[in-house]
Protein backbone atom coordinates (compact mmCIF):
# COMPACT_ATOMS: atom_id res chain seq x y z
CA MET A 1 -11.01 4.88 4.77
CA SER A 2 -9.92 2.24 7.24
CA ARG A 3 -12.01 -0.54 8.40
CA MET A 4 -9.68 -1.20 11.41
CA SER A 5 -11.51 -1.87 14.71
CA GLY A 6 -11.46 1.00 17.19
CA VAL A 7 -10.76 3.58 14.42
CA LYS A 8 -13.13 6.53 14.94
CA MET A 9 -14.00 10.06 14.00
CA ASP A 10 -13.86 12.98 16.33
CA ILE A 11 -16.53 11.86 18.90
CA PRO A 12 -17.51 13.66 22.13
CA LYS A 13 -17.77 12.03 25.39
CA ILE A 14 -21.37 13.42 26.15
CA MET A 15 -24.45 13.64 23.86
CA LYS A 16 -27.91 15.00 24.08
CA ALA A 17 -30.77 12.51 24.30
CA MET A 18 -34.62 12.50 24.80
CA LEU A 19 -34.85 10.00 27.69
CA MET A 20 -37.80 8.06 28.91
CA ASP A 21 -37.35 7.29 32.56
CA SER A 22 -40.76 5.76 33.03
CA GLN A 23 -43.76 5.07 30.90
CA ARG A 24 -46.69 7.58 30.67
CA GLN A 25 -44.38 10.47 31.50
CA PRO A 26 -42.91 13.14 28.94
CA LEU A 27 -39.43 12.38 27.53
CA LYS A 28 -36.58 14.46 29.22
CA LEU A 29 -33.90 16.06 27.45
CA ALA A 30 -30.63 14.76 29.16
CA ASP A 31 -26.83 14.85 28.64
CA ILE A 32 -25.39 11.34 28.82
CA PRO A 33 -22.30 9.44 28.03
CA VAL A 34 -21.90 8.55 24.30
CA PRO A 35 -22.31 4.79 23.94
CA GLN A 36 -19.35 2.65 22.98
CA PRO A 37 -19.81 -0.22 20.17
CA GLY A 38 -19.03 -3.63 21.12
CA GLU A 39 -18.00 -6.52 18.75
CA GLY A 40 -19.73 -6.46 15.70
CA GLN A 41 -21.54 -3.04 16.34
CA LEU A 42 -21.43 0.37 14.80
CA LEU A 43 -21.60 3.64 16.56
CA VAL A 44 -23.81 5.77 14.43
CA LYS A 45 -23.93 9.56 14.42
CA VAL A 46 -27.71 10.19 14.00
CA SER A 47 -28.92 12.74 11.60
CA THR A 48 -32.67 12.00 11.72
CA CYS A 49 -34.98 9.76 13.28
CA GLY A 50 -38.55 8.94 12.46
CA VAL A 51 -41.43 8.98 15.10
CA CYS A 52 -43.50 6.00 14.85
CA ARG A 53 -46.80 4.96 16.28
CA THR A 54 -44.99 2.04 18.23
CA ASP A 55 -42.80 4.77 20.08
CA LEU A 56 -46.26 6.02 21.31
CA HIS A 57 -47.25 2.30 22.44
CA VAL A 58 -44.04 2.24 24.36
CA LEU A 59 -44.36 5.63 25.80
CA ASP A 60 -48.00 5.07 26.72
CA GLY A 61 -47.59 1.67 28.35
CA ASP A 62 -49.26 -0.42 25.86
CA LEU A 63 -45.97 -2.45 25.33
CA THR A 64 -45.15 -3.40 28.82
CA GLU A 65 -41.51 -4.48 28.84
CA PRO A 66 -39.15 -1.63 27.75
CA LYS A 67 -35.61 -1.18 29.27
CA LEU A 68 -35.56 1.67 31.42
CA PRO A 69 -34.30 4.40 31.00
CA LEU A 70 -34.72 4.16 27.26
CA ILE A 71 -33.99 6.08 24.39
CA LEU A 72 -36.94 5.77 21.86
CA GLY A 73 -36.71 5.59 18.05
CA HIS A 74 -36.32 3.00 15.50
CA GLN A 75 -36.19 4.84 12.12
CA ILE A 76 -32.52 5.87 12.40
CA VAL A 77 -30.51 7.53 9.51
CA GLY A 78 -27.00 8.53 10.23
CA THR A 79 -23.34 7.99 9.47
CA VAL A 80 -21.00 5.23 10.84
CA ALA A 81 -18.78 7.20 13.40
CA GLN A 82 -16.88 4.24 14.86
CA LEU A 83 -16.33 0.61 14.38
CA GLY A 84 -16.51 -2.11 16.79
CA ALA A 85 -14.24 -5.32 16.61
CA GLY A 86 -15.02 -7.47 13.55
CA VAL A 87 -17.19 -4.96 11.69
CA ASP A 88 -16.87 -5.71 7.92
CA ARG A 89 -20.18 -4.65 6.36
CA PHE A 90 -19.80 -0.77 6.66
CA HIS A 91 -17.03 1.82 6.72
CA LEU A 92 -16.48 5.04 8.63
CA GLY A 93 -18.65 7.95 7.22
CA GLN A 94 -21.05 5.64 5.27
CA ARG A 95 -24.77 6.70 5.58
CA ILE A 96 -26.75 3.80 7.00
CA GLY A 97 -30.35 3.01 8.47
CA VAL A 98 -31.25 1.25 11.64
CA PRO A 99 -34.76 -0.41 11.82
CA TRP A 100 -36.91 -1.88 14.68
CA LEU A 101 -35.46 -5.50 14.40
CA GLY A 102 -32.10 -4.99 16.24
CA TYR A 103 -31.08 -8.64 16.97
CA THR A 104 -32.08 -12.35 16.60
CA ASP A 105 -30.55 -15.29 18.20
CA GLY A 106 -29.96 -17.05 14.83
CA THR A 107 -30.56 -20.48 16.56
CA CYS A 108 -34.28 -20.88 17.47
CA ARG A 109 -36.79 -22.73 15.29
CA TYR A 110 -38.18 -19.61 13.55
CA CYS A 111 -34.65 -18.17 12.75
CA LEU A 112 -33.59 -21.52 11.26
CA ARG A 113 -36.73 -21.72 9.08
CA GLY A 114 -36.24 -18.16 7.83
CA GLN A 115 -38.69 -16.41 10.08
CA GLU A 116 -36.44 -14.30 11.96
CA ASN A 117 -39.25 -11.68 12.67
CA LEU A 118 -40.81 -14.50 15.01
CA CYS A 119 -37.33 -15.04 16.79
CA ASP A 120 -37.84 -16.31 20.40
CA HIS A 121 -35.18 -13.95 21.64
CA PRO A 122 -35.15 -10.82 19.77
CA GLU A 123 -33.98 -7.33 20.67
CA PHE A 124 -35.81 -4.21 19.42
CA THR A 125 -34.24 -0.86 18.67
CA GLY A 126 -35.90 1.96 20.63
CA TYR A 127 -37.57 -0.72 23.06
CA THR A 128 -35.02 -3.21 24.50
CA ILE A 129 -32.09 -1.42 22.76
CA ASP A 130 -31.49 2.43 23.06
CA GLY A 131 -32.74 4.01 19.83
CA GLY A 132 -32.20 7.13 17.78
CA TYR A 133 -33.96 9.99 19.79
CA ALA A 134 -30.13 10.95 20.33
CA GLU A 135 -27.11 12.36 18.94
CA TYR A 136 -25.42 8.95 18.76
CA ALA A 137 -26.87 5.30 18.83
CA VAL A 138 -25.06 1.72 18.75
CA ALA A 139 -26.35 -0.78 16.42
CA ASP A 140 -25.54 -4.34 15.35
CA GLN A 141 -24.09 -4.20 11.88
CA ARG A 142 -25.99 -7.25 10.79
CA TYR A 143 -29.26 -5.44 11.09
CA CYS A 144 -28.41 -2.14 9.48
CA PHE A 145 -29.02 -1.24 5.85
CA PRO A 146 -27.38 0.88 3.28
CA LEU A 147 -29.78 3.48 2.13
CA PRO A 148 -30.86 4.45 -1.53
CA GLU A 149 -28.94 7.60 -2.73
CA GLY A 150 -31.83 9.30 -4.06
CA TYR A 151 -33.27 10.04 -0.48
CA GLY A 152 -32.17 12.58 1.97
CA ASP A 153 -31.79 11.92 5.49
CA VAL A 154 -35.21 13.39 6.36
CA ALA A 155 -36.99 11.50 3.56
CA ALA A 156 -35.29 8.30 4.13
CA ALA A 157 -36.26 7.91 7.79
CA PRO A 158 -39.88 6.89 7.29
CA LEU A 159 -38.82 3.97 4.90
CA LEU A 160 -37.10 2.30 7.80
CA CYS A 161 -40.44 1.14 9.82
CA ALA A 162 -43.56 2.76 7.88
CA GLY A 163 -42.11 1.55 4.82
CA LEU A 164 -40.60 -1.64 5.94
CA ILE A 165 -43.50 -2.75 8.31
CA GLY A 166 -45.89 -1.38 5.72
CA TYR A 167 -44.31 -3.38 2.97
CA ARG A 168 -44.52 -6.63 4.85
CA THR A 169 -48.31 -6.11 5.69
CA TYR A 170 -48.93 -5.40 2.04
CA ARG A 171 -46.99 -8.53 0.81
CA LEU A 172 -48.85 -10.70 3.32
CA ALA A 173 -52.16 -9.50 1.67
CA GLY A 174 -51.37 -12.07 -1.11
CA GLU A 175 -50.94 -12.29 -4.83
CA HIS A 176 -54.32 -11.92 -6.36
CA VAL A 177 -55.19 -8.44 -5.32
CA GLU A 178 -56.76 -5.86 -7.77
CA ARG A 179 -58.62 -3.81 -5.06
CA LEU A 180 -56.67 -3.09 -1.83
CA GLY A 181 -58.19 -1.10 1.18
CA ILE A 182 -55.88 0.81 3.41
CA TYR A 183 -57.53 1.58 6.79
CA GLY A 184 -55.46 4.36 8.48
CA PHE A 185 -53.72 6.57 6.00
CA GLY A 186 -50.80 7.97 8.18
CA SER A 187 -47.01 7.25 7.83
CA ALA A 188 -47.35 3.56 6.69
CA GLY A 189 -50.50 3.99 4.72
CA HIS A 190 -49.14 6.98 2.55
CA ILE A 191 -46.07 4.96 1.57
CA ILE A 192 -47.75 1.83 0.69
CA ALA A 193 -50.46 3.36 -1.28
CA GLN A 194 -47.89 4.68 -3.60
CA VAL A 195 -46.30 1.16 -4.00
CA ALA A 196 -49.77 -0.56 -4.51
CA ALA A 197 -50.53 2.17 -7.10
CA TYR A 198 -47.24 1.75 -8.95
CA GLU A 199 -48.08 -2.06 -9.07
CA GLY A 200 -51.37 -1.50 -10.78
CA LYS A 201 -53.84 -1.94 -7.89
CA ARG A 202 -56.85 0.19 -6.95
CA VAL A 203 -56.15 1.65 -3.74
CA TYR A 204 -59.26 2.56 -1.50
CA ALA A 205 -58.11 4.81 1.29
CA PHE A 206 -60.01 4.92 4.58
CA THR A 207 -59.48 7.66 7.14
CA ARG A 208 -61.08 8.97 10.26
CA PRO A 209 -64.75 10.03 9.49
CA GLY A 210 -65.03 13.37 8.23
CA ASP A 211 -61.19 13.86 7.57
CA THR A 212 -61.64 15.23 4.06
CA ALA A 213 -58.03 16.82 4.28
CA THR A 214 -56.35 13.45 4.63
CA GLN A 215 -58.75 11.91 1.89
CA THR A 216 -57.67 14.62 -0.52
CA PHE A 217 -54.00 13.74 0.63
CA ALA A 218 -54.67 9.99 -0.33
CA ARG A 219 -56.15 10.70 -3.67
CA ARG A 220 -52.95 12.86 -4.52
CA LEU A 221 -50.81 9.91 -3.66
CA GLY A 222 -52.86 7.57 -6.16
CA ALA A 223 -55.77 6.40 -4.28
CA TRP A 224 -58.68 5.29 -6.48
CA TRP A 225 -61.33 6.05 -3.82
CA ALA A 226 -61.11 7.78 -0.33
CA GLY A 227 -63.50 8.12 2.44
CA GLY A 228 -64.28 7.72 6.15
CA SER A 229 -63.80 4.34 7.72
CA ASP A 230 -67.60 4.52 8.36
CA GLU A 231 -68.10 4.30 4.64
CA THR A 232 -68.64 1.23 2.38
CA PRO A 233 -66.42 1.39 -0.54
CA PRO A 234 -68.01 1.44 -3.91
CA GLU A 235 -66.83 -2.19 -4.55
CA GLU A 236 -65.65 -5.23 -2.69
CA LEU A 237 -62.10 -5.32 -1.89
CA ASP A 238 -59.73 -8.28 -2.63
CA ALA A 239 -57.66 -7.36 0.60
CA ALA A 240 -57.47 -4.73 3.33
CA LEU A 241 -54.49 -3.48 5.36
CA VAL A 242 -55.53 -2.14 8.86
CA LEU A 243 -52.96 0.27 9.84
CA ALA A 244 -54.62 2.19 12.68
CA PRO A 245 -54.54 0.47 16.06
CA VAL A 246 -58.27 0.19 16.36
CA GLY A 247 -59.64 -3.44 16.66
CA ALA A 248 -63.07 -2.58 15.37
CA LEU A 249 -61.58 -1.85 12.09
CA MET A 250 -60.63 -5.51 11.56
CA VAL A 251 -64.35 -6.12 11.66
CA THR A 252 -65.13 -3.14 9.32
CA ALA A 253 -62.61 -4.47 6.78
CA LEU A 254 -63.88 -8.02 6.82
CA LYS A 255 -67.41 -6.58 5.95
CA ALA A 256 -65.80 -4.89 2.95
CA VAL A 257 -63.62 -7.71 1.43
CA ALA A 258 -64.91 -10.24 -1.09
CA LYS A 259 -64.94 -14.12 -0.67
CA GLY A 260 -61.38 -15.30 -0.27
CA GLY A 261 -60.55 -11.74 0.92
CA VAL A 262 -57.49 -11.06 3.35
CA VAL A 263 -57.49 -8.66 6.17
CA VAL A 264 -54.06 -7.86 7.54
CA SER A 265 -53.25 -6.18 10.75
CA GLY A 266 -49.91 -4.09 10.43
CA GLY A 267 -49.69 -2.87 13.99
CA ILE A 268 -47.76 -4.21 16.92
CA HIS A 269 -50.56 -3.05 19.43
CA MET A 270 -54.31 -2.77 18.73
CA THR A 271 -57.52 -2.32 20.89
CA ASP A 272 -59.57 -5.33 21.34
CA ILE A 273 -61.23 -6.84 18.36
CA PRO A 274 -65.02 -6.90 19.10
CA SER A 275 -67.03 -10.21 18.41
CA PHE A 276 -68.49 -10.56 14.86
CA PRO A 277 -70.82 -13.08 13.40
CA TYR A 278 -69.18 -16.00 11.65
CA HIS A 279 -70.69 -15.32 8.25
CA LEU A 280 -68.30 -12.45 7.83
CA LEU A 281 -65.38 -14.69 8.19
CA TRP A 282 -66.80 -17.53 6.02
CA GLU A 283 -66.19 -18.08 2.20
CA GLU A 284 -62.54 -18.44 2.98
CA ARG A 285 -61.82 -14.99 4.27
CA VAL A 286 -58.64 -14.67 6.29
CA ILE A 287 -57.45 -12.43 9.33
CA ARG A 288 -53.77 -12.23 9.89
CA SER A 289 -51.25 -10.19 11.76
CA VAL A 290 -47.75 -8.94 10.89
CA ALA A 291 -45.03 -9.23 13.56
CA ASN A 292 -41.81 -7.13 13.21
CA LEU A 293 -39.86 -7.57 9.82
CA THR A 294 -36.97 -9.62 8.47
CA ARG A 295 -33.97 -8.38 6.96
CA GLN A 296 -34.95 -9.72 3.48
CA ASP A 297 -38.00 -7.35 3.78
CA GLY A 298 -35.74 -4.41 4.22
CA GLU A 299 -33.46 -5.34 1.29
CA ASP A 300 -36.65 -5.93 -1.03
CA PHE A 301 -38.37 -2.69 0.15
CA LEU A 302 -35.29 -0.30 -0.19
CA ARG A 303 -34.58 -1.70 -3.69
CA LEU A 304 -38.29 -1.24 -4.63
CA ALA A 305 -38.82 2.33 -3.10
CA PRO A 306 -36.54 4.33 -5.61
CA GLN A 307 -38.24 2.57 -8.43
CA VAL A 308 -41.70 3.73 -7.56
CA PRO A 309 -40.35 6.23 -6.61
CA VAL A 310 -42.11 6.45 -3.03
CA LYS A 311 -42.06 10.01 -1.74
CA THR A 312 -42.37 10.56 1.86
CA GLU A 313 -44.74 13.28 3.01
CA VAL A 314 -42.81 14.74 6.40
CA THR A 315 -43.12 17.08 9.26
CA THR A 316 -39.81 17.81 10.99
CA TYR A 317 -39.12 18.53 14.63
CA PRO A 318 -35.83 19.31 16.30
CA LEU A 319 -34.76 16.53 18.85
CA ALA A 320 -35.76 18.73 21.99
CA GLU A 321 -39.53 18.73 20.63
CA ALA A 322 -40.01 15.12 20.48
CA ASN A 323 -42.74 15.29 22.93
CA GLN A 324 -44.61 17.57 20.68
CA ALA A 325 -44.12 15.36 17.66
CA LEU A 326 -45.60 12.30 19.66
CA ASP A 327 -48.40 14.36 20.61
CA ASP A 328 -49.18 15.51 17.28
CA LEU A 329 -48.99 11.84 16.05
CA ARG A 330 -51.27 10.83 18.93
CA SER A 331 -53.92 13.42 17.99
CA GLY A 332 -53.82 12.65 14.36
CA LYS A 333 -52.68 16.07 13.26
CA LEU A 334 -49.98 14.90 10.78
CA ASP A 335 -50.30 13.98 7.18
CA GLY A 336 -47.63 11.58 6.49
CA ALA A 337 -44.69 11.04 8.92
CA ALA A 338 -42.99 12.86 11.70
CA VAL A 339 -39.22 12.94 11.78
CA LEU A 340 -36.80 14.38 14.34
CA THR A 341 -33.70 16.36 13.17
CA ILE A 342 -30.69 15.72 15.33
């Protein structure tokens, strides 16, 4: 099929989208013009879009600088419907994924030393760039990924943030990890637990106290032990991933890790971390955070996922029920991930 600029499939002029006109207000279903791809961009016909806790942070005002009005969504699975000028990585009809990181300047000191996730002038899908809670979305070809063939559109969506950010969080825990704690067993937790178990690690899953259903779910996915976040694991951990946006869990995790242990926060927003005595940090324990992702993270994880193979647990919602999906995520009703079908 031709790669010529401007070549396009049968594309309507108007599309349906769930718009955020202002923060702290429900999204509204609207008919708006289909966007046009610029140079180096793709128009993507959206098939599915994952619902992420970061979407909640944007909607609830925890992240304070979104473009408005905004289309949320940064776990986009779709097909290329139109090519902008100069596109050479993808072809019409190809299935691709669009993640959170949507643009970097390529010239700041972080980009130049291979840390594009820390770029000084980034753009983010579903935050500063319109995302995938819509029938069509525009994306920079450089920040899109071909997707593993073994995953359907619904199953693939959570890989694009829960998987990618979870994987970066997991990697930053370090190399010498035999016993890994995961605090918060939602979309990212249920994916990374499978990766860690595949790589021979003992996974200790921590859920909301009393959530025995999610604890059973965690054990089914390979967790060695599962319990409430108020419980002490049966042995010291080498590292802990904190995937729930609860600052107090950073201290809880510090108490659970052994000497030299690493506690990694995988969220873009978290409540304040309470003060704690120095002895919890002593003996070369480490606290660190994860910011965004790199394209290399995406390539590495999407190559690994089919080998495990990672299986995503998904609850689907039609586009018009995006507010319900967000409410269910906020209230902790979901095992695994929520995905909008477009």
